[in-house]
Amino acid sequence: MLFDGLEAVLDASSGLPELTEDQKKAKNVITRDYTDGLISNGGISTDMFKSSLGEDVTRDFFSKVLFGTGRMD
């Protein structure tokens, strides 16, 4: 089932144009702002991450793994 979902997303996106560098940077900023808001404002799963790992490790995990927003600037 997971494979089918991933395959559907990849098929649907295969015809889309690649983002320009400026578009990639803008999208990264939007996503980073979203994840920063999750960490600042909390939420059920974010709070669980923060209580288990601490804020700094959660921010690092969100940035490098979960959302892939590692700093581009």
PDB file of N, CA and C in Angstrom:
ATOM      1  N   MET A   1       0.822  -1.188   0.000  1.00  0.00           N
ATOM      2  CA  MET A   1       0.000   0.000   0.000  1.00  0.00           C
ATOM      3  C   MET A   1       0.871   1.258   0.000  1.00  0.00           C
ATOM      4  N   LEU A   2       1.899   1.287   0.830  1.00  0.00           N
ATOM      5  CA  LEU A   2       2.810   2.434   0.849  1.00  0.00           C
ATOM      6  C   LEU A   2       3.475   2.592  -0.518  1.00  0.00           C
ATOM      7  N   PHE A   3       3.912   1.482  -1.078  1.00  0.00           N
ATOM      8  CA  PHE A   3       4.551   1.512  -2.397  1.00  0.00           C
ATOM      9  C   PHE A   3       3.593   2.063  -3.448  1.00  0.00           C
ATOM     10  N   ASP A   4       2.333   1.633  -3.409  1.00  0.00           N
ATOM     11  CA  ASP A   4       1.343   2.106  -4.370  1.00  0.00           C
ATOM     12  C   ASP A   4       1.148   3.616  -4.260  1.00  0.00           C
ATOM     13  N   GLY A   5       1.102   4.118  -3.025  1.00  0.00           N
ATOM     14  CA  GLY A   5       0.949   5.557  -2.814  1.00  0.00           C
ATOM     15  C   GLY A   5       2.139   6.333  -3.334  1.00  0.00           C
ATOM     16  N   LEU A   6       3.335   5.835  -3.047  1.00  0.00           N
ATOM     17  CA  LEU A   6       4.551   6.496  -3.523  1.00  0.00           C
ATOM     18  C   LEU A   6       4.603   6.475  -5.043  1.00  0.00           C
ATOM     19  N   GLU A   7       4.248   5.343  -5.623  1.00  0.00           N
ATOM     20  CA  GLU A   7       4.251   5.231  -7.076  1.00  0.00           C
ATOM     21  C   GLU A   7       3.261   6.212  -7.712  1.00  0.00           C
ATOM     22  N   ALA A   8       2.091   6.378  -7.096  1.00  0.00           N
ATOM     23  CA  ALA A   8       1.093   7.315  -7.612  1.00  0.00           C
ATOM     24  C   ALA A   8       1.611   8.751  -7.573  1.00  0.00           C
ATOM     25  N   VAL A   9       2.272   9.123  -6.488  1.00  0.00           N
ATOM     26  CA  VAL A   9       2.822  10.481  -6.372  1.00  0.00           C
ATOM     27  C   VAL A   9       3.928  10.698  -7.400  1.00  0.00           C
ATOM     28  N   LEU A  10       4.810   9.725  -7.544  1.00  0.00           N
ATOM     29  CA  LEU A  10       5.897   9.860  -8.514  1.00  0.00           C
ATOM     30  C   LEU A  10       5.363   9.938  -9.943  1.00  0.00           C
ATOM     31  N   ASP A  11       4.365   9.130 -10.255  1.00  0.00           N
ATOM     32  CA  ASP A  11       3.762   9.185 -11.587  1.00  0.00           C
ATOM     33  C   ASP A  11       3.119  10.546 -11.841  1.00  0.00           C
ATOM     34  N   ALA A  12       2.402  11.045 -10.860  1.00  0.00           N
ATOM     35  CA  ALA A  12       1.708  12.331 -11.023  1.00  0.00           C
ATOM     36  C   ALA A  12       2.694  13.482 -11.169  1.00  0.00           C
ATOM     37  N   SER A  13       3.842  13.377 -10.522  1.00  0.00           N
ATOM     38  CA  SER A  13       4.794  14.483 -10.557  1.00  0.00           C
ATOM     39  C   SER A  13       5.798  14.379 -11.697  1.00  0.00           C
ATOM     40  N   SER A  14       5.819  13.271 -12.390  1.00  0.00           N
ATOM     41  CA  SER A  14       6.845  13.072 -13.419  1.00  0.00           C
ATOM     42  C   SER A  14       6.758  14.081 -14.563  1.00  0.00           C
ATOM     43  N   GLY A  15       5.588  14.619 -14.836  1.00  0.00           N
ATOM     44  CA  GLY A  15       5.443  15.574 -15.931  1.00  0.00           C
ATOM     45  C   GLY A  15       5.609  17.017 -15.516  1.00  0.00           C
ATOM     46  N   LEU A  16       5.839  17.255 -14.247  1.00  0.00           N
ATOM     47  CA  LEU A  16       5.973  18.632 -13.771  1.00  0.00           C
ATOM     48  C   LEU A  16       7.366  19.175 -14.049  1.00  0.00           C
ATOM     49  N   PRO A  17       7.475  20.469 -14.315  1.00  0.00           N
ATOM     50  CA  PRO A  17       8.802  21.046 -14.547  1.00  0.00           C
ATOM     51  C   PRO A  17       9.586  21.140 -13.238  1.00  0.00           C
ATOM     52  N   GLU A  18      10.893  21.066 -13.353  1.00  0.00           N
ATOM     53  CA  GLU A  18      11.748  21.225 -12.175  1.00  0.00           C
ATOM     54  C   GLU A  18      11.712  22.677 -11.721  1.00  0.00           C
ATOM     55  N   LEU A  19      11.739  22.888 -10.417  1.00  0.00           N
ATOM     56  CA  LEU A  19      11.744  24.251  -9.882  1.00  0.00           C
ATOM     57  C   LEU A  19      13.059  24.940 -10.206  1.00  0.00           C
ATOM     58  N   THR A  20      12.989  26.239 -10.408  1.00  0.00           N
ATOM     59  CA  THR A  20      14.204  27.036 -10.585  1.00  0.00           C
ATOM     60  C   THR A  20      14.883  27.161  -9.219  1.00  0.00           C
ATOM     61  N   GLU A  21      16.098  27.620  -9.209  1.00  0.00           N
ATOM     62  CA  GLU A  21      16.814  27.800  -7.938  1.00  0.00           C
ATOM     63  C   GLU A  21      16.067  28.773  -7.024  1.00  0.00           C
ATOM     64  N   ASP A  22      15.549  29.858  -7.588  1.00  0.00           N
ATOM     65  CA  ASP A  22      14.792  30.824  -6.785  1.00  0.00           C
ATOM     66  C   ASP A  22      13.527  30.187  -6.211  1.00  0.00           C
ATOM     67  N   GLN A  23      12.837  29.373  -7.007  1.00  0.00           N
ATOM     68  CA  GLN A  23      11.635  28.694  -6.525  1.00  0.00           C
ATOM     69  C   GLN A  23      11.972  27.693  -5.429  1.00  0.00           C
ATOM     70  N   LYS A  24      13.095  26.978  -5.586  1.00  0.00           N
ATOM     71  CA  LYS A  24      13.524  26.022  -4.554  1.00  0.00           C
ATOM     72  C   LYS A  24      13.798  26.749  -3.236  1.00  0.00           C
ATOM     73  N   LYS A  25      14.488  27.884  -3.327  1.00  0.00           N
ATOM     74  CA  LYS A  25      14.792  28.651  -2.121  1.00  0.00           C
ATOM     75  C   LYS A  25      13.517  29.171  -1.465  1.00  0.00           C
ATOM     76  N   ALA A  26      12.579  29.665  -2.271  1.00  0.00           N
ATOM     77  CA  ALA A  26      11.312  30.182  -1.734  1.00  0.00           C
ATOM     78  C   ALA A  26      10.511  29.070  -1.067  1.00  0.00           C
ATOM     79  N   LYS A  27      10.462  27.912  -1.694  1.00  0.00           N
ATOM     80  CA  LYS A  27       9.735  26.776  -1.115  1.00  0.00           C
ATOM     81  C   LYS A  27      10.391  26.328   0.185  1.00  0.00           C
ATOM     82  N   ASN A  28      11.719  26.331   0.205  1.00  0.00           N
ATOM     83  CA  ASN A  28      12.446  25.952   1.415  1.00  0.00           C
ATOM     84  C   ASN A  28      12.134  26.912   2.558  1.00  0.00           C
ATOM     85  N   VAL A  29      12.082  28.206   2.275  1.00  0.00           N
ATOM     86  CA  VAL A  29      11.768  29.201   3.307  1.00  0.00           C
ATOM     87  C   VAL A  29      10.362  28.970   3.856  1.00  0.00           C
ATOM     88  N   ILE A  30       9.402  28.713   2.981  1.00  0.00           N
ATOM     89  CA  ILE A  30       8.024  28.468   3.412  1.00  0.00           C
ATOM     90  C   ILE A  30       7.958  27.233   4.318  1.00  0.00           C
ATOM     91  N   THR A  31       8.626  26.175   3.910  1.00  0.00           N
ATOM     92  CA  THR A  31       8.610  24.939   4.692  1.00  0.00           C
ATOM     93  C   THR A  31       9.353  25.108   6.005  1.00  0.00           C
ATOM     94  N   ARG A  32      10.465  25.838   5.977  1.00  0.00           N
ATOM     95  CA  ARG A  32      11.221  26.107   7.209  1.00  0.00           C
ATOM     96  C   ARG A  32      10.392  26.911   8.194  1.00  0.00           C
ATOM     97  N   ASP A  33       9.674  27.919   7.680  1.00  0.00           N
ATOM     98  CA  ASP A  33       8.801  28.717   8.548  1.00  0.00           C
ATOM     99  C   ASP A  33       7.723  27.845   9.172  1.00  0.00           C
ATOM    100  N   TYR A  34       7.189  26.915   8.380  1.00  0.00           N
ATOM    101  CA  TYR A  34       6.174  25.991   8.890  1.00  0.00           C
ATOM    102  C   TYR A  34       6.748  25.116  10.006  1.00  0.00           C
ATOM    103  N   THR A  35       7.923  24.535   9.780  1.00  0.00           N
ATOM    104  CA  THR A  35       8.497  23.654  10.798  1.00  0.00           C
ATOM    105  C   THR A  35       8.929  24.443  12.028  1.00  0.00           C
ATOM    106  N   ASP A  36       9.429  25.655  11.832  1.00  0.00           N
ATOM    107  CA  ASP A  36       9.771  26.496  12.985  1.00  0.00           C
ATOM    108  C   ASP A  36       8.518  26.782  13.808  1.00  0.00           C
ATOM    109  N   GLY A  37       7.390  27.013  13.122  1.00  0.00           N
ATOM    110  CA  GLY A  37       6.124  27.233  13.806  1.00  0.00           C
ATOM    111  C   GLY A  37       5.673  26.004  14.573  1.00  0.00           C
ATOM    112  N   LEU A  38       5.876  24.825  13.993  1.00  0.00           N
ATOM    113  CA  LEU A  38       5.529  23.599  14.701  1.00  0.00           C
ATOM    114  C   LEU A  38       6.310  23.499  16.006  1.00  0.00           C
ATOM    115  N   ILE A  39       7.587  23.782  15.935  1.00  0.00           N
ATOM    116  CA  ILE A  39       8.430  23.671  17.125  1.00  0.00           C
ATOM    117  C   ILE A  39       8.082  24.758  18.137  1.00  0.00           C
ATOM    118  N   SER A  40       7.837  25.972  17.668  1.00  0.00           N
ATOM    119  CA  SER A  40       7.499  27.080  18.578  1.00  0.00           C
ATOM    120  C   SER A  40       6.117  26.924  19.201  1.00  0.00           C
ATOM    121  N   ASN A  41       5.143  26.539  18.389  1.00  0.00           N
ATOM    122  CA  ASN A  41       3.753  26.482  18.849  1.00  0.00           C
ATOM    123  C   ASN A  41       3.327  25.113  19.348  1.00  0.00           C
ATOM    124  N   GLY A  42       4.092  24.101  19.010  1.00  0.00           N
ATOM    125  CA  GLY A  42       3.785  22.751  19.454  1.00  0.00           C
ATOM    126  C   GLY A  42       2.648  22.117  18.682  1.00  0.00           C
ATOM    127  N   GLY A  43       2.344  20.931  19.088  1.00  0.00           N
ATOM    128  CA  GLY A  43       1.312  20.104  18.488  1.00  0.00           C
ATOM    129  C   GLY A  43       1.496  18.716  19.074  1.00  0.00           C
ATOM    130  N   ILE A  44       0.560  17.846  18.869  1.00  0.00           N
ATOM    131  CA  ILE A  44       0.612  16.538  19.519  1.00  0.00           C
ATOM    132  C   ILE A  44       1.917  15.800  19.223  1.00  0.00           C
ATOM    133  N   SER A  45       2.221  15.586  17.956  1.00  0.00           N
ATOM    134  CA  SER A  45       3.432  14.817  17.646  1.00  0.00           C
ATOM    135  C   SER A  45       4.703  15.632  17.889  1.00  0.00           C
ATOM    136  N   THR A  46       4.658  16.928  17.579  1.00  0.00           N
ATOM    137  CA  THR A  46       5.836  17.768  17.812  1.00  0.00           C
ATOM    138  C   THR A  46       6.176  17.801  19.293  1.00  0.00           C
ATOM    139  N   ASP A  47       5.167  17.930  20.142  1.00  0.00           N
ATOM    140  CA  ASP A  47       5.408  17.947  21.588  1.00  0.00           C
ATOM    141  C   ASP A  47       6.018  16.632  22.068  1.00  0.00           C
ATOM    142  N   MET A  48       5.601  15.528  21.451  1.00  0.00           N
ATOM    143  CA  MET A  48       6.176  14.229  21.828  1.00  0.00           C
ATOM    144  C   MET A  48       7.650  14.160  21.439  1.00  0.00           C
ATOM    145  N   PHE A  49       7.977  14.651  20.243  1.00  0.00           N
ATOM    146  CA  PHE A  49       9.379  14.700  19.821  1.00  0.00           C
ATOM    147  C   PHE A  49      10.184  15.563  20.791  1.00  0.00           C
ATOM    148  N   LYS A  50       9.660  16.764  21.082  1.00  0.00           N
ATOM    149  CA  LYS A  50      10.387  17.696  21.949  1.00  0.00           C
ATOM    150  C   LYS A  50      10.589  17.133  23.346  1.00  0.00           C
ATOM    151  N   SER A  51       9.581  16.467  23.899  1.00  0.00           N
ATOM    152  CA  SER A  51       9.728  15.933  25.259  1.00  0.00           C
ATOM    153  C   SER A  51      10.693  14.753  25.291  1.00  0.00           C
ATOM    154  N   SER A  52      10.780  14.015  24.193  1.00  0.00           N
ATOM    155  CA  SER A  52      11.684  12.861  24.147  1.00  0.00           C
ATOM    156  C   SER A  52      13.108  13.242  23.763  1.00  0.00           C
ATOM    157  N   LEU A  53      13.236  14.141  22.798  1.00  0.00           N
ATOM    158  CA  LEU A  53      14.547  14.450  22.231  1.00  0.00           C
ATOM    159  C   LEU A  53      15.105  15.806  22.637  1.00  0.00           C
ATOM    160  N   GLY A  54      14.245  16.695  23.091  1.00  0.00           N
ATOM    161  CA  GLY A  54      14.653  18.063  23.354  1.00  0.00           C
ATOM    162  C   GLY A  54      14.428  18.918  22.114  1.00  0.00           C
ATOM    163  N   GLU A  55      14.330  20.215  22.315  1.00  0.00           N
ATOM    164  CA  GLU A  55      14.010  21.120  21.213  1.00  0.00           C
ATOM    165  C   GLU A  55      15.084  21.156  20.139  1.00  0.00           C
ATOM    166  N   ASP A  56      16.359  21.215  20.533  1.00  0.00           N
ATOM    167  CA  ASP A  56      17.430  21.326  19.541  1.00  0.00           C
ATOM    168  C   ASP A  56      17.520  20.089  18.658  1.00  0.00           C
ATOM    169  N   VAL A  57      17.420  18.918  19.245  1.00  0.00           N
ATOM    170  CA  VAL A  57      17.488  17.677  18.460  1.00  0.00           C
ATOM    171  C   VAL A  57      16.248  17.551  17.574  1.00  0.00           C
ATOM    172  N   THR A  58      15.088  17.950  18.093  1.00  0.00           N
ATOM    173  CA  THR A  58      13.864  17.916  17.287  1.00  0.00           C
ATOM    174  C   THR A  58      13.994  18.837  16.091  1.00  0.00           C
ATOM    175  N   ARG A  59      14.500  20.038  16.308  1.00  0.00           N
ATOM    176  CA  ARG A  59      14.685  21.001  15.209  1.00  0.00           C
ATOM    177  C   ARG A  59      15.648  20.420  14.172  1.00  0.00           C
ATOM    178  N   ASP A  60      16.729  19.816  14.631  1.00  0.00           N
ATOM    179  CA  ASP A  60      17.708  19.211  13.735  1.00  0.00           C
ATOM    180  C   ASP A  60      17.086  18.051  12.950  1.00  0.00           C
ATOM    181  N   PHE A  61      16.317  17.201  13.632  1.00  0.00           N
ATOM    182  CA  PHE A  61      15.646  16.076  12.984  1.00  0.00           C
ATOM    183  C   PHE A  61      14.634  16.560  11.947  1.00  0.00           C
ATOM    184  N   PHE A  62      13.833  17.529  12.305  1.00  0.00           N
ATOM    185  CA  PHE A  62      12.848  18.078  11.366  1.00  0.00           C
ATOM    186  C   PHE A  62      13.558  18.646  10.135  1.00  0.00           C
ATOM    187  N   SER A  63      14.642  19.371  10.367  1.00  0.00           N
ATOM    188  CA  SER A  63      15.365  20.031   9.286  1.00  0.00           C
ATOM    189  C   SER A  63      16.068  19.040   8.361  1.00  0.00           C
ATOM    190  N   LYS A  64      16.760  18.076   8.945  1.00  0.00           N
ATOM    191  CA  LYS A  64      17.597  17.196   8.143  1.00  0.00           C
ATOM    192  C   LYS A  64      16.890  15.945   7.636  1.00  0.00           C
ATOM    193  N   VAL A  65      15.862  15.486   8.369  1.00  0.00           N
ATOM    194  CA  VAL A  65      15.249  14.206   8.018  1.00  0.00           C
ATOM    195  C   VAL A  65      13.786  14.357   7.618  1.00  0.00           C
ATOM    196  N   LEU A  66      12.952  14.809   8.537  1.00  0.00           N
ATOM    197  CA  LEU A  66      11.517  14.758   8.332  1.00  0.00           C
ATOM    198  C   LEU A  66      11.034  15.689   7.219  1.00  0.00           C
ATOM    199  N   PHE A  67      11.530  16.922   7.191  1.00  0.00           N
ATOM    200  CA  PHE A  67      11.080  17.883   6.188  1.00  0.00           C
ATOM    201  C   PHE A  67      12.165  18.246   5.167  1.00  0.00           C
ATOM    202  N   GLY A  68      13.397  17.885   5.426  1.00  0.00           N
ATOM    203  CA  GLY A  68      14.469  18.116   4.467  1.00  0.00           C
ATOM    204  C   GLY A  68      14.713  19.572   4.137  1.00  0.00           C
ATOM    205  N   THR A  69      14.626  20.420   5.135  1.00  0.00           N
ATOM    206  CA  THR A  69      14.768  21.858   4.886  1.00  0.00           C
ATOM    207  C   THR A  69      16.151  22.397   5.228  1.00  0.00           C
ATOM    208  N   GLY A  70      17.133  21.542   5.392  1.00  0.00           N
ATOM    209  CA  GLY A  70      18.465  22.003   5.750  1.00  0.00           C
ATOM    210  C   GLY A  70      18.773  23.344   5.115  1.00  0.00           C
ATOM    211  N   ARG A  71      19.462  24.169   5.793  1.00  0.00           N
ATOM    212  CA  ARG A  71      19.715  25.549   5.344  1.00  0.00           C
ATOM    213  C   ARG A  71      20.276  25.598   3.934  1.00  0.00           C
ATOM    214  N   MET A  72      19.632  26.425   3.096  1.00  0.00           N
ATOM    215  CA  MET A  72      20.082  26.608   1.706  1.00  0.00           C
ATOM    216  C   MET A  72      20.689  27.987   1.507  1.00  0.00           C
ATOM    217  N   ASP A  73      20.611  28.836   2.549  1.00  0.00           N
ATOM    218  CA  ASP A  73      21.119  30.193   2.353  1.00  0.00           C
ATOM    219  C   ASP A  73      22.406  30.439   3.090  1.00  0.00           C
TER     220      ASP A  73
END
